[in-house]
Amino acid sequence: MDTLISIKPLLAVLISLLVIPLIAYSRSPNVREGWTFLAAIVKFALVASMLPAVLSGMEISCSLVEVLPGLSIAFRVDAFGMLFALVASFLWIITSVYSIGYMRGLDEHAQTRYFCFFAVSLSAAVGVAFSANLLTMYLFYEMLSLATYPLVTHHQDQEARTSGRKYLLYTVGASIGLVLPAMLMTYHLTGSLDFSPQGILAGTASRGTVALLLFMFVFGFAKAAIMPFHSWLPAAMVAPTPVSALLHAVAVVKVGVFSIVRVITAIFGTDLLQTFDLSTPLLLVASTTILVGSFIALSQDNLKRMLAFSTIAQLSYIVLGAALLSPKGVTGGMVHIAMHAFGKITLFFCAGAIFVATGKKNISEMTGIGRRMPVTMTAFFIGALSIIGMPPCGGFLSKWYLVLGALEADKIAILVVLLFSSLLNAGYFMPVVYRAFFCPPEEALFEARVQEAPLCCVVPLVVTAVISIMLLFYPQPFMNLAAMAAAKYTGF
């Protein structure tokens, strides 16, 4: 595969860091948010400018410094990294618009700090996407943990501080306690941490050692919220809704599953995992998380907590796709990163808009809300369809490929998990829609007059809902990038 040397990956990572002093010292909110938009648009433009080269089969490389022999801080843009970076950089623009409506609508404090750490988080997310090796990815992974802590604890009350401590304990504690030693063991065994299409561990260790390393990485990247390393995610819902959207759709949890899929495909390699038959225990862990997360979501009344447990389940679809080790399964897992991002961010935008307009957080308090906020709840319905995996939304496409991947790998039990979990998804989303639109008039808790949230809250959720539909009919470039990456790592 041809490699193009360019500084663009470094610039795409740095742009949102360089703008932080300008955001921090802006004299007015309009100027501050103007710098935020400028950085977000430039970041997306830099990422998108590399897309044609990647789609043509090239990889873009930028090496910074060699720390030790075979150990460097370097960037490499391939199809999988490009897929994630496109999603993250584009949704930063949308989330910035939404943040204005939400933060100003509620007159939130410390808005400048909020926008600064949001920018750091996006730099870290793109840094993970474009990492050429495990060391670089680990450094940006930890940077993201520290950058999002002030966002999780934004309200600075006791509940926020308690949730913030849990967030750091799980995400930083697991990465230092599990990923770091696994990374050191891998370097000791191979003399390298570079990502490779065939993996780098083949022929270097016994089955037991490889299995140990695999599960140290899988559970160590706790941002993926695989059970039992999941409870930080519902706790983090104390954060403002734009932060929840960042956590669940754009950066944090996607960095977790991205890192796991990258390690499975480029450190271990699909051939090694098939040889040692390690896909089965990984599939069991992912399937358990999918089903248990979905069952817990069924029992939630707080809307954001319900969405949090939904996210826990949905993330493991991505891990499950990679663990199938089949071309269609890996394709489905990778493209689900994009499909889930647009569907779930729509749902969180809707939850935030409801809170801004009505002050309501619980589903039981939303009876008849579709009559007051028809645009918001229609967008909620579309986002829910995408997460369930139903037409006319893009989530149908990713789940379709996961089903095909299960059949391709001859894993009928996984097919049953996928279909049953989709029914569970419908079980916790459709009652919200029914309560909003189809309750008897005498049970409605809201007057029929339309009173939506501020325009800056409503426009982003409409945009992401429309894109969720468009992705079924026009899934490019995400589908092409996922298929290219899957072919590269599975050999087909």
Protein backbone atom coordinates (compact mmCIF):
# COMPACT_ATOMS: atom_id res chain seq x y z
CA MET A 1 0.00 0.00 0.00
CA ASP A 2 1.37 3.41 -1.00
CA THR A 3 2.18 5.87 1.77
CA LEU A 4 2.03 9.64 1.45
CA ILE A 5 4.10 11.72 3.88
CA SER A 6 2.17 14.80 5.02
CA ILE A 7 1.84 17.13 7.99
CA LYS A 8 -1.97 17.18 7.64
CA PRO A 9 -2.65 14.52 10.33
CA LEU A 10 -0.64 16.55 12.85
CA LEU A 11 -2.43 19.76 11.88
CA ALA A 12 -5.83 18.05 12.19
CA VAL A 13 -4.95 17.06 15.75
CA LEU A 14 -3.40 20.40 16.74
CA ILE A 15 -5.92 22.89 15.33
CA SER A 16 -8.37 22.62 18.23
CA LEU A 17 -5.49 22.89 20.73
CA LEU A 18 -4.07 26.00 19.09
CA VAL A 19 -7.39 27.84 19.27
CA ILE A 20 -7.81 27.32 23.05
CA PRO A 21 -6.01 30.55 24.09
CA LEU A 22 -8.25 32.47 21.69
CA ILE A 23 -11.36 30.84 23.18
CA ALA A 24 -10.15 31.36 26.75
CA TYR A 25 -9.34 35.07 26.39
CA SER A 26 -12.27 36.12 24.21
CA ARG A 27 -14.05 39.14 25.67
CA SER A 28 -17.54 38.17 24.53
CA PRO A 29 -19.44 34.87 24.16
CA ASN A 30 -19.99 35.52 20.45
CA VAL A 31 -16.26 35.87 19.79
CA ARG A 32 -15.50 32.81 21.92
CA GLU A 33 -17.97 30.67 20.03
CA GLY A 34 -16.79 32.14 16.74
CA TRP A 35 -13.31 30.76 17.43
CA THR A 36 -14.86 27.42 18.35
CA PHE A 37 -16.71 27.23 15.04
CA LEU A 38 -13.65 28.29 13.07
CA ALA A 39 -11.53 25.58 14.69
CA ALA A 40 -14.24 22.95 14.17
CA ILE A 41 -14.69 23.83 10.50
CA VAL A 42 -10.94 23.91 9.82
CA LYS A 43 -10.48 20.56 11.61
CA PHE A 44 -13.23 18.94 9.55
CA ALA A 45 -11.82 20.47 6.34
CA LEU A 46 -8.35 19.08 7.12
CA VAL A 47 -9.76 15.62 7.80
CA ALA A 48 -11.96 15.69 4.70
CA SER A 49 -9.05 16.85 2.53
CA MET A 50 -7.31 13.53 3.22
CA LEU A 51 -10.36 11.46 2.30
CA PRO A 52 -9.75 11.18 -1.49
CA ALA A 53 -6.24 9.83 -0.94
CA VAL A 54 -7.46 7.27 1.60
CA LEU A 55 -10.33 6.15 -0.64
CA SER A 56 -7.83 5.66 -3.48
CA GLY A 57 -5.97 3.14 -1.31
CA MET A 58 -3.20 5.33 0.07
CA GLU A 59 -2.22 5.89 3.69
CA ILE A 60 -1.01 9.25 5.00
CA SER A 61 1.86 9.23 7.46
CA CYS A 62 3.53 11.74 9.78
CA SER A 63 6.26 10.70 12.23
CA LEU A 64 7.19 13.01 15.11
CA VAL A 65 9.84 11.38 17.29
CA GLU A 66 11.32 7.94 17.98
CA VAL A 67 11.24 7.25 21.71
CA LEU A 68 12.98 3.85 21.62
CA PRO A 69 13.88 1.46 18.80
CA GLY A 70 10.57 0.35 17.29
CA LEU A 71 8.70 2.80 19.51
CA SER A 72 7.71 6.19 18.16
CA ILE A 73 5.06 8.89 18.37
CA ALA A 74 3.61 8.94 14.89
CA PHE A 75 0.40 9.38 12.92
CA ARG A 76 -0.98 7.28 10.08
CA VAL A 77 -4.31 7.88 8.39
CA ASP A 78 -5.95 4.71 7.06
CA ALA A 79 -9.55 3.82 6.19
CA PHE A 80 -10.63 2.90 9.73
CA GLY A 81 -9.05 5.98 11.31
CA MET A 82 -10.53 8.20 8.61
CA LEU A 83 -14.03 6.81 9.29
CA PHE A 84 -13.84 7.72 12.99
CA ALA A 85 -12.16 11.09 12.41
CA LEU A 86 -14.82 12.13 9.89
CA VAL A 87 -17.58 11.34 12.35
CA ALA A 88 -15.90 13.09 15.28
CA SER A 89 -14.83 16.24 13.42
CA PHE A 90 -18.18 16.72 11.66
CA LEU A 91 -20.24 16.20 14.81
CA TRP A 92 -18.07 18.72 16.69
CA ILE A 93 -19.51 21.41 14.40
CA ILE A 94 -23.08 20.26 15.07
CA THR A 95 -22.51 19.88 18.82
CA SER A 96 -21.02 23.39 19.01
CA VAL A 97 -24.23 24.84 17.60
CA TYR A 98 -26.29 22.81 20.04
CA SER A 99 -24.05 23.83 22.96
CA ILE A 100 -24.86 27.50 22.37
CA GLY A 101 -28.60 26.89 22.61
CA TYR A 102 -28.29 24.58 25.62
CA MET A 103 -25.69 26.43 27.69
CA ARG A 104 -27.20 29.85 27.07
CA GLY A 105 -30.75 28.56 27.40
CA LEU A 106 -29.99 27.30 30.92
CA ASP A 107 -27.59 30.17 31.70
CA GLU A 108 -24.88 27.65 32.62
CA HIS A 109 -21.79 28.87 34.47
CA ALA A 110 -18.16 28.45 33.28
CA GLN A 111 -19.09 28.31 29.59
CA THR A 112 -15.61 29.38 28.49
CA ARG A 113 -14.04 26.50 30.40
CA TYR A 114 -16.60 24.18 28.83
CA PHE A 115 -15.69 25.19 25.26
CA CYS A 116 -11.95 24.97 25.99
CA PHE A 117 -12.08 21.41 27.30
CA PHE A 118 -14.46 20.42 24.52
CA ALA A 119 -11.75 21.49 22.05
CA VAL A 120 -9.08 19.48 23.90
CA SER A 121 -11.34 16.44 23.81
CA LEU A 122 -11.74 16.62 20.04
CA SER A 123 -7.97 16.90 19.57
CA ALA A 124 -7.54 13.77 21.65
CA ALA A 125 -10.24 11.88 19.73
CA VAL A 126 -8.69 12.69 16.35
CA GLY A 127 -5.26 11.83 17.80
CA VAL A 128 -6.54 8.36 18.67
CA ALA A 129 -8.08 7.97 15.20
CA PHE A 130 -4.84 8.87 13.41
CA SER A 131 -2.39 7.02 15.70
CA ALA A 132 0.15 4.86 13.89
CA ASN A 133 0.93 2.69 16.90
CA LEU A 134 -0.24 1.64 20.32
CA LEU A 135 1.95 4.13 22.21
CA THR A 136 0.55 7.15 20.36
CA MET A 137 -2.99 5.88 20.76
CA TYR A 138 -2.48 5.31 24.49
CA LEU A 139 -1.17 8.83 25.05
CA PHE A 140 -4.16 10.44 23.33
CA TYR A 141 -6.53 8.02 25.08
CA GLU A 142 -5.27 9.26 28.47
CA MET A 143 -5.37 12.85 27.27
CA LEU A 144 -9.06 12.38 26.49
CA SER A 145 -9.76 11.00 29.98
CA LEU A 146 -8.22 14.04 31.64
CA ALA A 147 -9.79 16.54 29.21
CA THR A 148 -13.32 15.20 29.74
CA TYR A 149 -13.12 15.11 33.55
CA PRO A 150 -13.88 18.89 33.89
CA LEU A 151 -16.80 18.38 31.49
CA VAL A 152 -18.27 15.51 33.51
CA THR A 153 -17.90 17.52 36.74
CA HIS A 154 -19.11 20.77 35.13
CA HIS A 155 -21.84 21.47 37.71
CA GLN A 156 -19.28 21.20 40.54
CA ASP A 157 -21.77 19.87 43.11
CA GLN A 158 -21.34 16.76 45.25
CA GLU A 159 -23.05 14.47 42.74
CA ALA A 160 -20.82 15.76 39.93
CA ARG A 161 -17.64 15.31 41.97
CA THR A 162 -18.63 11.77 42.98
CA SER A 163 -19.41 10.86 39.37
CA GLY A 164 -16.15 12.45 38.22
CA ARG A 165 -14.14 10.34 40.64
CA LYS A 166 -15.86 7.20 39.39
CA TYR A 167 -15.22 8.28 35.80
CA LEU A 168 -11.48 8.68 36.42
CA LEU A 169 -11.28 5.51 38.52
CA TYR A 170 -12.69 3.39 35.73
CA THR A 171 -11.22 5.04 32.64
CA VAL A 172 -7.78 6.01 33.94
CA GLY A 173 -7.49 3.24 36.52
CA ALA A 174 -8.29 0.51 34.00
CA SER A 175 -5.98 1.91 31.34
CA ILE A 176 -3.04 2.25 33.74
CA GLY A 177 -3.74 -1.04 35.49
CA LEU A 178 -4.45 -3.14 32.40
CA VAL A 179 -3.60 -1.44 29.09
CA LEU A 180 -0.20 -0.10 30.16
CA PRO A 181 1.17 -3.45 31.40
CA ALA A 182 -0.33 -5.21 28.35
CA MET A 183 1.40 -2.66 26.13
CA LEU A 184 4.73 -3.24 27.89
CA MET A 185 4.33 -7.02 27.55
CA THR A 186 3.54 -6.63 23.85
CA TYR A 187 6.63 -4.50 23.29
CA HIS A 188 8.74 -7.03 25.21
CA LEU A 189 7.44 -9.88 23.04
CA THR A 190 7.59 -8.16 19.65
CA GLY A 191 9.97 -5.19 19.90
CA SER A 192 7.30 -3.01 18.31
CA LEU A 193 3.91 -1.43 18.95
CA ASP A 194 3.18 -0.48 15.33
CA PHE A 195 -0.22 -1.37 13.91
CA SER A 196 -0.04 -4.01 11.18
CA PRO A 197 -2.73 -5.59 8.96
CA GLN A 198 -1.58 -9.05 10.06
CA GLY A 199 -1.03 -8.10 13.69
CA ILE A 200 2.36 -8.28 15.43
CA LEU A 201 1.87 -11.02 18.04
CA ALA A 202 1.77 -14.08 15.78
CA GLY A 203 4.49 -16.56 16.73
CA THR A 204 5.63 -14.61 19.79
CA ALA A 205 3.59 -16.09 22.65
CA SER A 206 1.50 -19.04 23.79
CA ARG A 207 -2.28 -19.19 23.58
CA GLY A 208 -2.61 -18.41 27.30
CA THR A 209 -0.41 -15.32 27.04
CA VAL A 210 -2.27 -14.05 23.98
CA ALA A 211 -5.62 -14.63 25.72
CA LEU A 212 -4.41 -12.74 28.79
CA LEU A 213 -3.20 -9.81 26.69
CA LEU A 214 -6.45 -9.73 24.71
CA PHE A 215 -8.66 -9.40 27.77
CA MET A 216 -6.30 -6.92 29.44
CA PHE A 217 -6.73 -4.69 26.40
CA VAL A 218 -10.50 -5.28 26.06
CA PHE A 219 -11.30 -4.49 29.70
CA GLY A 220 -8.51 -1.92 30.04
CA PHE A 221 -10.05 0.33 27.41
CA ALA A 222 -12.91 0.95 29.85
CA LYS A 223 -14.32 3.83 27.80
CA ALA A 224 -15.96 1.06 25.75
CA ALA A 225 -18.11 0.35 28.86
CA ILE A 226 -17.94 -3.43 28.50
CA MET A 227 -19.41 -5.04 31.59
CA PRO A 228 -18.37 -5.05 34.40
CA PHE A 229 -16.37 -1.86 33.56
CA HIS A 230 -19.50 0.08 32.64
CA SER A 231 -20.94 1.83 35.70
CA TRP A 232 -19.00 5.07 35.09
CA LEU A 233 -21.19 5.74 32.07
CA PRO A 234 -24.61 6.13 33.73
CA ALA A 235 -22.91 8.07 36.56
CA ALA A 236 -21.46 10.53 34.02
CA MET A 237 -25.00 11.57 33.03
CA VAL A 238 -24.79 14.33 35.66
CA ALA A 239 -22.91 16.32 33.00
CA PRO A 240 -24.69 18.85 30.76
CA THR A 241 -26.46 17.18 27.83
CA PRO A 242 -23.97 18.36 25.16
CA VAL A 243 -21.27 16.64 27.23
CA SER A 244 -23.42 13.51 27.38
CA ALA A 245 -23.71 13.68 23.61
CA LEU A 246 -19.92 14.01 23.41
CA LEU A 247 -19.50 11.04 25.75
CA HIS A 248 -21.97 8.79 23.98
CA ALA A 249 -21.76 9.66 20.30
CA VAL A 250 -18.70 11.64 19.34
CA ALA A 251 -15.59 11.04 21.37
CA VAL A 252 -15.29 9.13 24.62
CA VAL A 253 -17.08 5.82 24.21
CA LYS A 254 -16.25 5.67 20.51
CA VAL A 255 -12.57 6.08 21.38
CA GLY A 256 -12.98 3.06 23.68
CA VAL A 257 -14.48 0.76 21.06
CA PHE A 258 -12.24 2.17 18.32
CA SER A 259 -9.20 1.28 20.44
CA ILE A 260 -10.48 -2.25 21.07
CA VAL A 261 -11.21 -2.88 17.39
CA ARG A 262 -7.82 -1.43 16.43
CA VAL A 263 -6.05 -3.75 18.88
CA ILE A 264 -8.05 -6.81 17.77
CA THR A 265 -7.32 -6.23 14.09
CA ALA A 266 -3.87 -4.60 14.09
CA ILE A 267 -2.07 -5.94 17.19
CA PHE A 268 -3.45 -9.47 17.44
CA GLY A 269 -4.69 -9.96 13.88
CA THR A 270 -7.73 -11.98 12.83
CA ASP A 271 -5.64 -15.01 11.82
CA LEU A 272 -4.05 -15.33 15.27
CA LEU A 273 -7.39 -15.02 17.07
CA GLN A 274 -8.90 -17.66 14.77
CA THR A 275 -5.93 -19.98 15.26
CA PHE A 276 -6.22 -19.77 19.06
CA ASP A 277 -10.07 -19.73 18.96
CA LEU A 278 -10.26 -16.58 21.06
CA SER A 279 -13.23 -15.07 19.28
CA THR A 280 -15.72 -17.18 21.25
CA PRO A 281 -14.99 -15.77 24.74
CA LEU A 282 -14.87 -12.26 23.28
CA LEU A 283 -18.24 -12.80 21.61
CA LEU A 284 -19.63 -14.03 24.93
CA VAL A 285 -18.47 -10.88 26.76
CA ALA A 286 -19.91 -8.61 24.05
CA SER A 287 -23.21 -10.50 23.86
CA THR A 288 -23.65 -10.41 27.64
CA THR A 289 -23.09 -6.65 27.65
CA ILE A 290 -25.58 -6.17 24.81
CA LEU A 291 -28.34 -8.15 26.50
CA VAL A 292 -27.83 -7.02 30.10
CA GLY A 293 -27.47 -3.37 29.06
CA SER A 294 -30.70 -3.60 27.06
CA PHE A 295 -32.62 -5.23 29.93
CA ILE A 296 -31.47 -2.54 32.38
CA ALA A 297 -32.48 0.19 29.90
CA LEU A 298 -36.01 -1.23 29.92
CA SER A 299 -36.38 -0.40 33.62
CA GLN A 300 -35.17 3.22 33.53
CA ASP A 301 -37.44 6.21 33.98
CA ASN A 302 -34.77 8.92 33.72
CA LEU A 303 -34.38 9.52 29.99
CA LYS A 304 -30.63 10.14 30.01
CA ARG A 305 -29.96 7.03 32.14
CA MET A 306 -32.04 4.97 29.72
CA LEU A 307 -29.95 6.34 26.84
CA ALA A 308 -26.79 5.60 28.85
CA PHE A 309 -27.61 1.90 29.24
CA SER A 310 -28.66 1.81 25.60
CA THR A 311 -25.20 3.12 24.71
CA ILE A 312 -23.54 0.42 26.83
CA ALA A 313 -25.40 -2.19 24.81
CA GLN A 314 -24.83 -0.54 21.43
CA LEU A 315 -21.08 -0.18 21.91
CA SER A 316 -20.71 -3.92 22.26
CA TYR A 317 -22.27 -4.37 18.81
CA ILE A 318 -19.06 -2.81 17.50
CA VAL A 319 -16.84 -5.11 19.57
CA LEU A 320 -19.01 -8.07 18.58
CA GLY A 321 -18.60 -7.24 14.88
CA ALA A 322 -14.80 -7.22 15.23
CA ALA A 323 -14.88 -10.44 17.30
CA LEU A 324 -16.77 -12.26 14.52
CA LEU A 325 -13.49 -12.03 12.51
CA SER A 326 -15.48 -12.25 9.27
CA PRO A 327 -15.29 -9.57 6.56
CA LYS A 328 -18.97 -8.60 6.80
CA GLY A 329 -18.94 -8.74 10.60
CA VAL A 330 -15.91 -6.43 10.83
CA THR A 331 -17.47 -4.12 8.23
CA GLY A 332 -20.72 -3.98 10.21
CA GLY A 333 -18.92 -3.28 13.47
CA MET A 334 -16.86 -0.47 11.97
CA VAL A 335 -19.72 1.23 10.13
CA HIS A 336 -21.84 0.99 13.29
CA ILE A 337 -19.48 3.60 14.77
CA ALA A 338 -20.92 6.14 12.34
CA MET A 339 -24.52 4.92 12.31
CA HIS A 340 -24.77 4.81 16.09
CA ALA A 341 -23.07 8.20 16.41
CA PHE A 342 -25.69 10.04 14.38
CA GLY A 343 -28.65 8.17 15.88
CA LYS A 344 -27.53 8.46 19.52
CA ILE A 345 -26.46 12.10 19.31
CA THR A 346 -29.94 12.87 17.94
CA LEU A 347 -31.50 11.19 20.98
CA PHE A 348 -29.31 13.09 23.43
CA PHE A 349 -29.97 16.37 21.64
CA CYS A 350 -33.68 15.65 22.03
CA ALA A 351 -33.29 14.86 25.74
CA GLY A 352 -31.45 18.15 26.23
CA ALA A 353 -34.02 20.13 24.24
CA ILE A 354 -36.81 18.66 26.37
CA PHE A 355 -34.98 19.69 29.54
CA VAL A 356 -34.29 23.20 28.26
CA ALA A 357 -37.94 23.70 27.20
CA THR A 358 -39.74 21.95 30.07
CA GLY A 359 -37.26 21.10 32.84
CA LYS A 360 -38.35 17.44 32.63
CA LYS A 361 -35.90 14.54 32.89
CA ASN A 362 -38.13 11.52 33.49
CA ILE A 363 -40.03 9.59 30.82
CA SER A 364 -43.09 9.37 33.12
CA GLU A 365 -43.29 13.17 33.04
CA MET A 366 -43.35 13.37 29.23
CA THR A 367 -46.87 12.15 28.50
CA GLY A 368 -48.24 14.16 25.58
CA ILE A 369 -44.99 16.07 25.02
CA GLY A 370 -45.16 15.33 21.30
CA ARG A 371 -48.01 17.84 21.02
CA ARG A 372 -45.90 20.59 22.52
CA MET A 373 -42.55 19.64 20.91
CA PRO A 374 -43.49 17.83 17.67
CA VAL A 375 -40.20 18.54 15.87
CA THR A 376 -38.06 17.34 18.76
CA MET A 377 -40.06 14.16 19.34
CA THR A 378 -40.20 13.33 15.63
CA ALA A 379 -36.41 13.57 15.60
CA PHE A 380 -36.37 11.36 18.71
CA PHE A 381 -38.46 8.77 16.83
CA ILE A 382 -36.01 8.83 13.90
CA GLY A 383 -33.00 8.48 16.20
CA ALA A 384 -34.72 5.59 17.98
CA LEU A 385 -35.39 3.80 14.66
CA SER A 386 -31.71 4.12 13.78
CA ILE A 387 -30.58 2.62 17.10
CA ILE A 388 -33.14 -0.20 16.83
CA GLY A 389 -31.86 -0.89 13.32
CA MET A 390 -35.03 -0.27 11.34
CA PRO A 391 -35.51 1.41 7.96
CA PRO A 392 -35.45 4.15 6.83
CA CYS A 393 -32.39 4.86 9.00
CA GLY A 394 -28.71 4.03 8.62
CA GLY A 395 -28.65 1.83 11.71
CA PHE A 396 -30.45 -0.79 9.63
CA LEU A 397 -27.41 -1.06 7.36
CA SER A 398 -24.85 -1.66 10.09
CA LYS A 399 -27.02 -4.24 11.83
CA TRP A 400 -27.72 -5.92 8.50
CA TYR A 401 -23.97 -6.38 8.01
CA LEU A 402 -23.60 -7.67 11.56
CA VAL A 403 -26.28 -10.28 10.86
CA LEU A 404 -24.55 -11.26 7.61
CA GLY A 405 -21.24 -11.41 9.49
CA ALA A 406 -22.74 -13.79 12.06
CA LEU A 407 -23.99 -16.04 9.26
CA GLU A 408 -20.65 -15.77 7.47
CA ALA A 409 -18.85 -16.87 10.65
CA ASP A 410 -21.44 -19.61 11.25
CA LYS A 411 -22.36 -18.15 14.65
CA ILE A 412 -26.11 -18.80 14.88
CA ALA A 413 -26.19 -17.94 18.58
CA ILE A 414 -24.86 -14.47 17.77
CA LEU A 415 -27.59 -14.07 15.15
CA VAL A 416 -30.16 -14.77 17.87
CA VAL A 417 -28.49 -12.20 20.17
CA LEU A 418 -28.60 -9.56 17.44
CA LEU A 419 -32.26 -10.11 16.62
CA PHE A 420 -33.43 -10.41 20.24
CA SER A 421 -31.47 -7.34 21.33
CA SER A 422 -33.11 -5.30 18.56
CA LEU A 423 -36.49 -6.28 19.99
CA LEU A 424 -35.28 -5.09 23.39
CA ASN A 425 -34.17 -1.80 21.79
CA ALA A 426 -37.71 -1.33 20.49
CA GLY A 427 -39.02 -2.29 23.94
CA TYR A 428 -37.44 0.73 25.63
CA PHE A 429 -37.68 3.30 22.83
CA MET A 430 -41.18 2.81 21.42
CA PRO A 431 -43.02 3.42 24.74
CA VAL A 432 -41.39 6.87 24.88
CA VAL A 433 -42.69 7.64 21.40
CA TYR A 434 -46.14 6.26 22.23
CA ARG A 435 -46.30 8.29 25.45
CA ALA A 436 -45.32 11.43 23.54
CA PHE A 437 -47.73 11.18 20.59
CA PHE A 438 -50.49 8.64 21.19
CA CYS A 439 -51.64 9.01 24.78
CA PRO A 440 -55.33 9.91 25.35
CA PRO A 441 -55.85 13.71 25.49
CA GLU A 442 -57.05 13.54 29.09
CA GLU A 443 -53.72 11.96 30.17
CA ALA A 444 -51.52 14.57 28.49
CA LEU A 445 -49.36 16.58 30.87
CA PHE A 446 -48.72 19.34 28.31
CA GLU A 447 -50.92 21.76 26.43
CA ALA A 448 -51.27 21.25 22.69
CA ARG A 449 -49.62 24.58 21.81
CA VAL A 450 -46.21 24.21 20.20
CA GLN A 451 -43.31 25.48 22.30
CA GLU A 452 -39.98 24.04 21.16
CA ALA A 453 -36.55 24.66 22.69
CA PRO A 454 -34.39 27.52 21.32
CA LEU A 455 -33.53 27.29 17.64
CA CYS A 456 -29.86 26.46 18.36
CA CYS A 457 -31.10 23.34 20.16
CA VAL A 458 -33.65 22.31 17.56
CA VAL A 459 -31.70 22.82 14.32
CA PRO A 460 -28.83 20.41 15.25
CA LEU A 461 -31.20 17.59 16.20
CA VAL A 462 -33.11 18.04 12.95
CA VAL A 463 -29.83 17.93 10.99
CA THR A 464 -28.59 14.74 12.69
CA ALA A 465 -32.02 13.10 12.33
CA VAL A 466 -32.08 13.87 8.59
CA ILE A 467 -28.53 12.53 8.23
CA SER A 468 -29.57 9.33 10.07
CA ILE A 469 -32.12 8.75 7.31
CA MET A 470 -29.79 9.75 4.49
CA LEU A 471 -27.17 7.25 5.68
CA LEU A 472 -29.38 4.34 4.65
CA PHE A 473 -29.57 5.56 1.05
CA TYR A 474 -26.17 7.25 0.82
CA PRO A 475 -23.87 5.45 3.31
CA GLN A 476 -20.71 6.57 1.51
CA PRO A 477 -18.02 7.31 2.43
CA PHE A 478 -18.48 5.46 5.74
CA MET A 479 -19.49 2.19 4.08
CA ASN A 480 -16.58 2.33 1.63
CA LEU A 481 -14.07 3.09 4.39
CA ALA A 482 -15.39 0.28 6.60
CA ALA A 483 -15.29 -2.20 3.71
CA MET A 484 -11.72 -1.16 2.84
CA ALA A 485 -10.59 -1.53 6.45
CA ALA A 486 -12.31 -4.91 6.85
CA ALA A 487 -10.70 -6.20 3.65
CA LYS A 488 -7.31 -5.03 4.86
CA TYR A 489 -7.53 -6.77 8.22
CA THR A 490 -9.38 -9.96 7.24
CA GLY A 491 -7.53 -10.58 3.98
CA PHE A 492 -10.64 -10.59 1.78
